[in-house]
Protein backbone atom coordinates (compact mmCIF):
# COMPACT_ATOMS: atom_id res chain seq x y z
CA LYS A 1 60.62 173.58 139.14
CA PRO A 2 62.20 172.29 142.36
CA THR A 3 59.83 171.08 145.05
CA VAL A 4 60.13 172.14 148.67
CA ARG A 5 62.23 169.02 149.30
CA ASN A 6 64.72 169.96 146.57
CA THR A 7 65.86 173.49 147.42
CA GLN A 8 69.55 172.84 148.08
CA LYS A 9 72.41 171.36 146.12
CA SER A 10 72.58 167.70 147.00
CA ALA A 11 74.05 164.39 145.93
CA VAL A 12 71.57 162.20 144.07
CA TYR A 13 71.71 158.71 142.61
CA SER A 14 70.06 159.51 139.29
CA LEU A 15 69.42 162.50 137.05
CA LYS A 16 66.85 162.85 134.30
CA GLY A 17 68.26 162.78 130.78
CA ALA A 18 66.66 166.08 129.83
CA CYS A 19 68.64 167.94 132.48
CA MET A 20 72.06 166.31 132.73
CA LEU A 21 75.39 167.95 132.12
CA TRP A 22 78.50 165.75 131.86
CA ARG A 23 82.16 166.45 131.31
CA ARG A 24 83.02 164.78 128.01
CA ASP A 25 86.00 162.82 129.39
CA ILE A 26 83.86 161.32 132.16
CA PHE A 27 81.01 160.54 129.76
CA GLU A 28 83.42 158.72 127.45
CA ARG A 29 85.18 156.95 130.34
CA LEU A 30 81.82 155.57 131.46
CA GLY A 31 81.14 154.22 127.99
CA CYS A 32 78.48 156.78 127.06
CA PHE A 33 74.88 155.55 126.97
CA ASN A 34 74.39 151.80 126.98
CA GLU A 35 73.22 150.70 123.54
CA ASP A 36 71.14 147.91 125.12
CA TYR A 37 68.61 150.61 126.00
CA PHE A 38 66.47 151.68 123.07
CA ALA A 39 64.81 154.41 125.14
CA TYR A 40 63.79 155.00 128.75
CA PHE A 41 66.08 154.61 131.78
CA GLU A 42 69.30 154.86 129.77
CA GLU A 43 70.18 157.94 131.84
CA THR A 44 69.56 156.07 135.10
CA ASP A 45 71.87 153.28 133.95
CA LEU A 46 74.55 155.86 133.11
CA CYS A 47 74.15 157.58 136.47
CA HIS A 48 74.47 154.30 138.37
CA ARG A 49 77.62 153.44 136.44
CA ALA A 50 79.04 156.87 137.26
CA ILE A 51 78.42 156.42 140.98
CA ASN A 52 79.86 152.92 140.90
CA ALA A 53 82.96 154.40 139.22
CA GLY A 54 83.35 156.80 142.16
CA TYR A 55 81.76 159.98 140.75
CA LYS A 56 79.18 162.11 142.54
CA LEU A 57 76.01 163.29 140.87
CA LEU A 58 74.77 166.66 142.03
CA PHE A 59 71.35 168.22 141.85
CA ASP A 60 71.48 172.01 141.52
CA PRO A 61 68.11 173.73 142.09
CA SER A 62 69.36 176.96 140.51
CA ALA A 63 69.63 175.31 137.08
CA LYS A 64 66.81 176.21 134.72
CA ILE A 65 65.74 173.60 132.18
CA ILE A 66 63.13 173.80 129.45
CA HIS A 67 62.20 170.27 128.42
CA LEU A 68 60.30 169.98 125.18
CA GLY A 69 59.41 166.41 126.03
CA GLY A 70 57.79 163.62 124.16
CA PHE A 71 59.82 163.64 120.95
CA THR A 72 61.09 160.08 121.37
CA SER A 73 57.66 158.62 121.95
CA LYS A 74 55.40 161.08 120.13
CA ASN A 75 54.64 158.78 117.21
CA MET A 76 55.02 155.41 118.97
CA ARG A 77 52.24 153.09 120.09
CA GLN A 78 51.53 153.03 123.82
CA ASP A 79 52.16 149.27 124.12
CA PHE A 80 55.60 149.71 122.50
CA ILE A 81 56.48 152.55 124.88
CA GLN A 82 55.36 150.67 127.96
CA TYR A 83 57.27 147.53 126.98
CA TYR A 84 60.58 149.43 126.93
CA ASN A 85 59.71 151.58 129.90
CA THR A 86 58.87 148.55 132.04
CA LYS A 87 61.73 146.36 130.77
CA ASN A 88 64.42 148.99 131.21
CA ARG A 89 63.21 150.13 134.64
CA VAL A 90 63.24 146.59 136.02
CA GLN A 91 66.52 145.74 134.26
CA THR A 92 68.23 148.85 135.66
CA PHE A 93 67.04 148.32 139.21
CA ILE A 94 68.05 144.65 139.28
CA SER A 95 71.40 145.08 137.54
CA GLU A 96 72.61 148.25 139.27
CA LEU A 97 71.11 148.65 142.75
CA PRO A 98 72.96 147.49 145.87
CA SER A 99 72.07 144.11 147.35
CA ASN A 100 70.74 145.60 150.59
CA ILE A 101 67.84 147.35 148.81
CA VAL A 102 67.37 145.60 145.48
CA PHE A 103 64.93 142.98 146.79
CA SER A 104 62.54 145.39 148.54
CA LEU A 105 62.67 147.91 145.73
CA VAL A 106 62.16 145.36 142.97
CA LEU A 107 59.33 143.73 144.92
CA SER A 108 57.51 147.05 145.39
CA ASN A 109 58.18 147.87 141.73
CA PHE A 110 56.69 144.52 140.68
CA VAL A 111 53.57 145.09 142.79
CA LEU A 112 53.01 148.60 141.39
CA THR A 113 53.66 147.42 137.84
CA GLU A 114 51.27 144.47 138.21
CA LEU A 115 48.58 146.89 139.42
CA LEU A 116 49.17 148.99 136.32
CA ILE A 117 49.07 145.89 134.14
CA GLY A 118 45.75 144.90 135.73
CA LYS A 119 44.29 148.29 134.89
CA ALA A 120 45.84 148.24 131.41
CA LEU A 121 44.14 144.90 130.73
CA PHE A 122 40.79 146.71 130.64
CA LEU A 123 42.14 149.43 128.33
CA SER A 124 44.15 147.31 125.93
CA PRO A 125 45.10 143.64 126.19
CA GLN A 126 48.11 144.34 123.92
CA LEU A 127 49.31 147.06 126.29
CA ALA A 128 48.95 144.74 129.29
CA TYR A 129 50.74 141.93 127.43
CA ASN A 130 53.67 144.17 126.45
CA MET A 131 54.03 145.50 129.99
CA GLN A 132 54.03 141.95 131.39
CA LEU A 133 56.57 140.88 128.76
CA GLY A 134 58.73 143.90 129.60
CA LEU A 135 58.60 142.96 133.29
CA ILE A 136 59.75 139.41 132.57
CA VAL A 137 62.45 140.33 130.03
CA GLY A 138 63.72 143.15 132.26
CA PHE A 139 63.90 140.81 135.24
CA PHE A 140 65.99 138.16 133.49
CA THR A 141 68.16 140.66 131.59
CA GLY A 142 68.77 142.51 134.85
CA LEU A 143 69.81 139.30 136.61
CA GLN A 144 72.21 138.45 133.79
CA LYS A 145 73.77 141.94 133.91
CA ARG A 146 73.90 141.87 137.72
CA TRP A 147 76.31 138.93 137.67
CA THR A 148 78.71 140.86 135.41
CA THR A 149 78.59 144.14 137.35
CA GLN A 150 78.43 142.81 140.94
CA LYS A 151 82.11 143.50 141.62
CA GLN A 152 81.72 147.19 140.73
CA ARG A 153 78.81 147.83 143.08
CA VAL A 154 80.20 149.84 145.97
CA SER A 155 79.31 153.51 145.84
CA LEU A 156 75.55 153.21 145.34
CA ASN A 157 75.35 151.86 148.89
CA LEU A 158 76.61 155.22 150.11
CA VAL A 159 74.02 157.22 148.18
CA MET A 160 71.04 154.91 148.72
CA LYS A 161 71.17 154.03 152.40
CA LYS A 162 67.39 154.01 152.71
CA PRO A 163 65.37 154.43 149.54
CA ASP A 164 62.54 156.93 149.74
CA ILE A 165 59.50 155.02 148.47
CA SER A 166 57.73 158.30 147.72
CA TYR A 167 60.24 158.86 144.91
CA TYR A 168 59.14 155.67 143.19
CA LEU A 169 55.45 156.36 143.72
CA ALA A 170 55.95 159.83 142.24
CA LEU A 171 57.87 158.27 139.37
CA PHE A 172 54.90 156.09 138.49
CA SER A 173 52.32 158.85 138.84
CA SER A 174 54.35 161.57 137.14
CA LEU A 175 55.29 159.72 133.97
CA LYS A 176 53.14 161.15 131.20
CA ASN A 177 52.43 157.74 129.67
CA TYR A 178 51.43 156.23 133.01
CA GLN A 179 48.89 158.95 133.74
CA LYS A 180 46.59 157.29 131.25
CA LEU A 181 46.64 154.16 133.44
CA TRP A 182 45.99 155.88 136.78
């Protein structure tokens, strides 16, 4: 259900995979979903590539979506889920975001993730270890990918002039698997 902030059609920089609609020719032109992503943040990577290719992503509050979520991760261990969630989030931010915001956003993401890892350490050392490993692997994979995509990065600057930190805080607190850590 749209929040008060999201009551009008607007351009966005990322859509959630459960509620995306793509024209097939554009989806294929973008290379479909990146196979480097096992799960989590593959839709964000696709959205960033679309914007960098000159397409606009639109949010339409009149669309009605029923998301029967959790099927990907229903039978997976929490430490496995959090490894991929952390790795892919960091990798996507570093590889795709414009230079003028990547440092501040990645730094705030690292701080929030380290806080979660600290709390996870008391719940499950394996969970904390996998999150830390995901943070490190995502960082270096993101840097490697950033060098190859740097020339394409133009349009995201237009969409993300000033990132709204509340979006990222809400992202952390609204993810079902992270609620166990808060």
